[in-house]
Amino acid sequence: MLPVQPLLQRAAAALDWHGIVVPDVAVLGQQVSAVVRVQSDVHEWRTANGWPPRADPSWFRSWFEPSAHDRLPVAAVELVGVLVGESTVDRALQSCGTLMTLAPCAVVLPRTEESQAWPFIELDYYGIGVVTVDEAGADLMVPPEDRSSEFGPSLFGRWLLEVLYERVLKEAHAPVKS
């Protein structure tokens, strides 16, 4: 089997999610991958004005104070979608349930001979996407829906954008692996 990153890239491409895949993000007690787009104008402004990512949980807690609301940084990344890797479809609904409040969510499953549409009906009902992947490529079985507007923005979701922004900047400045 291929390393995880190429499989995630294939899954994002099958979903037509253009952006940077950020693997292994801890969100609501799960390890997921996120696809983000950098808002270059906001990133440039934040860099020029000394607003680095604010991913520290203590900073996040201060956002709940009304007096801090005028100091919230503008989001420099957009969350395109969340990829949740699972080995079977049985756990997909549980894995994506809460995450779909933040952005479109898709479960990434290994492609098998049994990859058929019938077990995906419940996931489709809830708007959870399904992508099957293997070394040969990725197939979109169920397109995800963006249901995040039904739940509205949250400070947690905003803080997650800061975490993802920090990860993108760290990856951009990480040494190249040979």
Protein backbone atom coordinates (compact mmCIF):
# COMPACT_ATOMS: atom_id res chain seq x y z
CA MET A 1 0.00 0.00 0.00
CA LEU A 2 1.16 3.53 -0.74
CA PRO A 3 2.04 5.97 2.03
CA VAL A 4 -0.97 7.84 3.39
CA GLN A 5 -0.23 11.26 1.87
CA PRO A 6 -0.54 10.18 -1.79
CA LEU A 7 -3.81 8.37 -0.98
CA LEU A 8 -5.17 11.52 0.68
CA GLN A 9 -4.10 13.60 -2.32
CA ARG A 10 -5.97 11.20 -4.59
CA ALA A 11 -9.06 11.33 -2.37
CA ALA A 12 -9.01 15.15 -2.39
CA ALA A 13 -8.64 15.16 -6.18
CA ALA A 14 -11.57 12.73 -6.57
CA LEU A 15 -13.66 15.11 -4.45
CA ASP A 16 -12.48 18.05 -6.57
CA TRP A 17 -11.19 19.68 -3.38
CA HIS A 18 -8.36 21.97 -4.45
CA GLY A 19 -5.96 22.96 -1.72
CA ILE A 20 -3.32 21.73 0.67
CA VAL A 21 -3.89 18.40 2.41
CA VAL A 22 -2.94 18.69 6.10
CA PRO A 23 -2.69 15.15 7.51
CA ASP A 24 -3.03 13.95 11.11
CA VAL A 25 -5.00 16.80 12.65
CA ALA A 26 -6.54 16.12 16.06
CA VAL A 27 -10.16 17.29 15.89
CA LEU A 28 -12.83 16.43 18.45
CA GLY A 29 -10.96 13.36 19.65
CA GLN A 30 -10.13 12.03 16.19
CA GLN A 31 -7.17 12.08 13.83
CA VAL A 32 -8.36 13.45 10.50
CA SER A 33 -6.92 15.20 7.49
CA ALA A 34 -8.05 18.60 6.33
CA VAL A 35 -7.97 20.21 2.92
CA VAL A 36 -7.37 23.96 3.16
CA ARG A 37 -6.78 26.90 0.88
CA VAL A 38 -4.55 29.75 1.99
CA GLN A 39 -6.16 33.17 1.63
CA SER A 40 -3.02 34.79 0.21
CA ASP A 41 -4.15 38.39 0.75
CA VAL A 42 -4.99 37.73 4.41
CA HIS A 43 -1.77 35.77 4.91
CA GLU A 44 0.28 38.64 3.46
CA TRP A 45 -1.54 41.16 5.66
CA ARG A 46 -1.12 39.05 8.79
CA THR A 47 2.58 38.52 8.05
CA ALA A 48 3.17 42.22 7.42
CA ASN A 49 1.28 43.21 10.58
CA GLY A 50 2.73 40.66 13.00
CA TRP A 51 -0.29 38.35 13.31
CA PRO A 52 1.16 34.82 13.35
CA PRO A 53 -1.13 31.81 13.76
CA ARG A 54 -2.87 31.78 17.16
CA ALA A 55 -3.15 28.03 17.73
CA ASP A 56 -2.29 28.07 21.45
CA PRO A 57 -5.31 26.76 23.41
CA SER A 58 -4.89 29.49 26.04
CA TRP A 59 -5.30 32.11 23.31
CA PHE A 60 -8.43 30.29 22.13
CA ARG A 61 -9.93 30.39 25.63
CA SER A 62 -9.49 34.17 25.67
CA TRP A 63 -11.74 34.44 22.61
CA PHE A 64 -14.72 33.65 24.83
CA GLU A 65 -14.24 36.97 26.62
CA PRO A 66 -16.29 39.69 24.87
CA SER A 67 -13.49 42.18 25.46
CA ALA A 68 -11.19 40.06 23.25
CA HIS A 69 -13.48 39.97 20.22
CA ASP A 70 -11.81 43.00 18.63
CA ARG A 71 -8.47 41.13 18.74
CA LEU A 72 -9.52 38.00 16.86
CA PRO A 73 -7.29 37.52 13.82
CA VAL A 74 -8.89 37.25 10.41
CA ALA A 75 -8.79 33.66 9.13
CA ALA A 76 -5.90 33.11 6.71
CA VAL A 77 -7.07 29.68 5.56
CA GLU A 78 -10.37 28.32 4.33
CA LEU A 79 -11.39 24.79 5.33
CA VAL A 80 -12.39 23.11 2.07
CA GLY A 81 -13.23 19.77 3.65
CA VAL A 82 -12.35 17.07 6.15
CA LEU A 83 -11.10 13.60 5.17
CA VAL A 84 -11.60 10.78 7.65
CA GLY A 85 -9.77 7.55 6.99
CA GLU A 86 -11.62 4.39 7.98
CA SER A 87 -11.06 0.75 7.20
CA THR A 88 -14.78 -0.10 6.93
CA VAL A 89 -18.00 1.76 6.26
CA ASP A 90 -19.42 0.72 9.66
CA ARG A 91 -17.65 3.52 11.55
CA ALA A 92 -18.01 6.21 8.90
CA LEU A 93 -21.15 7.86 10.24
CA GLN A 94 -19.79 7.97 13.78
CA SER A 95 -16.46 9.34 12.52
CA CYS A 96 -17.93 12.13 10.40
CA GLY A 97 -21.04 13.04 12.40
CA THR A 98 -19.72 16.01 14.37
CA LEU A 99 -17.12 17.02 11.80
CA MET A 100 -19.75 17.79 9.19
CA THR A 101 -20.71 20.82 11.31
CA LEU A 102 -17.35 22.39 10.36
CA ALA A 103 -17.08 21.67 6.62
CA PRO A 104 -17.95 19.01 4.06
CA CYS A 105 -16.77 15.64 5.37
CA ALA A 106 -15.81 12.55 3.41
CA VAL A 107 -14.77 9.13 4.63
CA VAL A 108 -11.84 7.57 2.79
CA LEU A 109 -12.12 3.80 2.51
CA PRO A 110 -9.81 1.24 0.93
CA ARG A 111 -11.13 0.04 -2.42
CA THR A 112 -12.31 -3.54 -2.21
CA GLU A 113 -14.29 -5.94 -4.36
CA GLU A 114 -17.27 -5.17 -2.11
CA SER A 115 -17.14 -1.39 -2.75
CA GLN A 116 -20.77 -1.02 -3.78
CA ALA A 117 -23.23 1.81 -3.38
CA TRP A 118 -25.78 0.07 -1.14
CA PRO A 119 -23.98 0.44 2.23
CA PHE A 120 -23.47 4.15 1.50
CA ILE A 121 -27.16 5.15 1.45
CA GLU A 122 -27.19 6.31 5.09
CA LEU A 123 -24.00 8.33 4.60
CA ASP A 124 -25.54 10.00 1.55
CA TYR A 125 -28.65 10.83 3.59
CA TYR A 126 -26.53 12.73 6.13
CA GLY A 127 -24.40 14.41 3.46
CA ILE A 128 -21.22 12.48 4.20
CA GLY A 129 -19.08 11.74 1.17
CA VAL A 130 -17.37 8.45 0.39
CA VAL A 131 -14.16 7.97 -1.57
CA THR A 132 -12.51 4.61 -2.13
CA VAL A 133 -8.76 4.59 -2.75
CA ASP A 134 -5.94 2.24 -3.68
CA GLU A 135 -2.62 2.42 -5.49
CA ALA A 136 -4.39 2.78 -8.85
CA GLY A 137 -6.45 5.83 -7.92
CA ALA A 138 -9.55 7.06 -6.13
CA ASP A 139 -13.24 6.80 -6.90
CA LEU A 140 -15.92 9.15 -5.63
CA MET A 141 -18.76 6.89 -4.49
CA VAL A 142 -20.91 9.53 -2.74
CA PRO A 143 -20.35 13.28 -3.07
CA PRO A 144 -20.35 15.15 0.26
CA GLU A 145 -22.67 18.02 1.02
CA ASP A 146 -21.65 21.19 2.80
CA ARG A 147 -23.99 21.26 5.79
CA SER A 148 -21.84 23.62 7.87
CA SER A 149 -24.16 26.57 7.19
CA GLU A 150 -26.97 24.70 8.97
CA PHE A 151 -24.90 24.84 12.16
CA GLY A 152 -23.31 28.28 11.76
CA PRO A 153 -19.80 29.38 12.65
CA SER A 154 -18.26 28.53 16.00
CA LEU A 155 -15.26 29.72 17.94
CA PHE A 156 -14.00 26.13 17.90
CA GLY A 157 -14.17 26.08 14.09
CA ARG A 158 -12.39 29.43 13.96
CA TRP A 159 -9.66 28.15 16.30
CA LEU A 160 -9.28 25.04 14.11
CA LEU A 161 -8.52 27.37 11.20
CA GLU A 162 -5.67 28.84 13.26
CA VAL A 163 -4.34 25.34 13.98
CA LEU A 164 -4.48 24.51 10.27
CA TYR A 165 -2.85 27.83 9.35
CA GLU A 166 0.01 27.06 11.73
CA ARG A 167 0.41 23.56 10.26
CA VAL A 168 0.47 24.89 6.69
CA LEU A 169 3.16 27.44 7.57
CA LYS A 170 5.25 24.81 9.38
CA GLU A 171 5.00 22.44 6.39
CA ALA A 172 5.98 25.26 4.00
CA HIS A 173 9.12 25.93 6.02
CA ALA A 174 9.99 22.30 6.86
CA PRO A 175 13.17 20.83 5.43
CA VAL A 176 12.69 18.78 2.30
CA LYS A 177 12.71 15.03 3.01
CA SER A 178 15.04 13.06 0.78
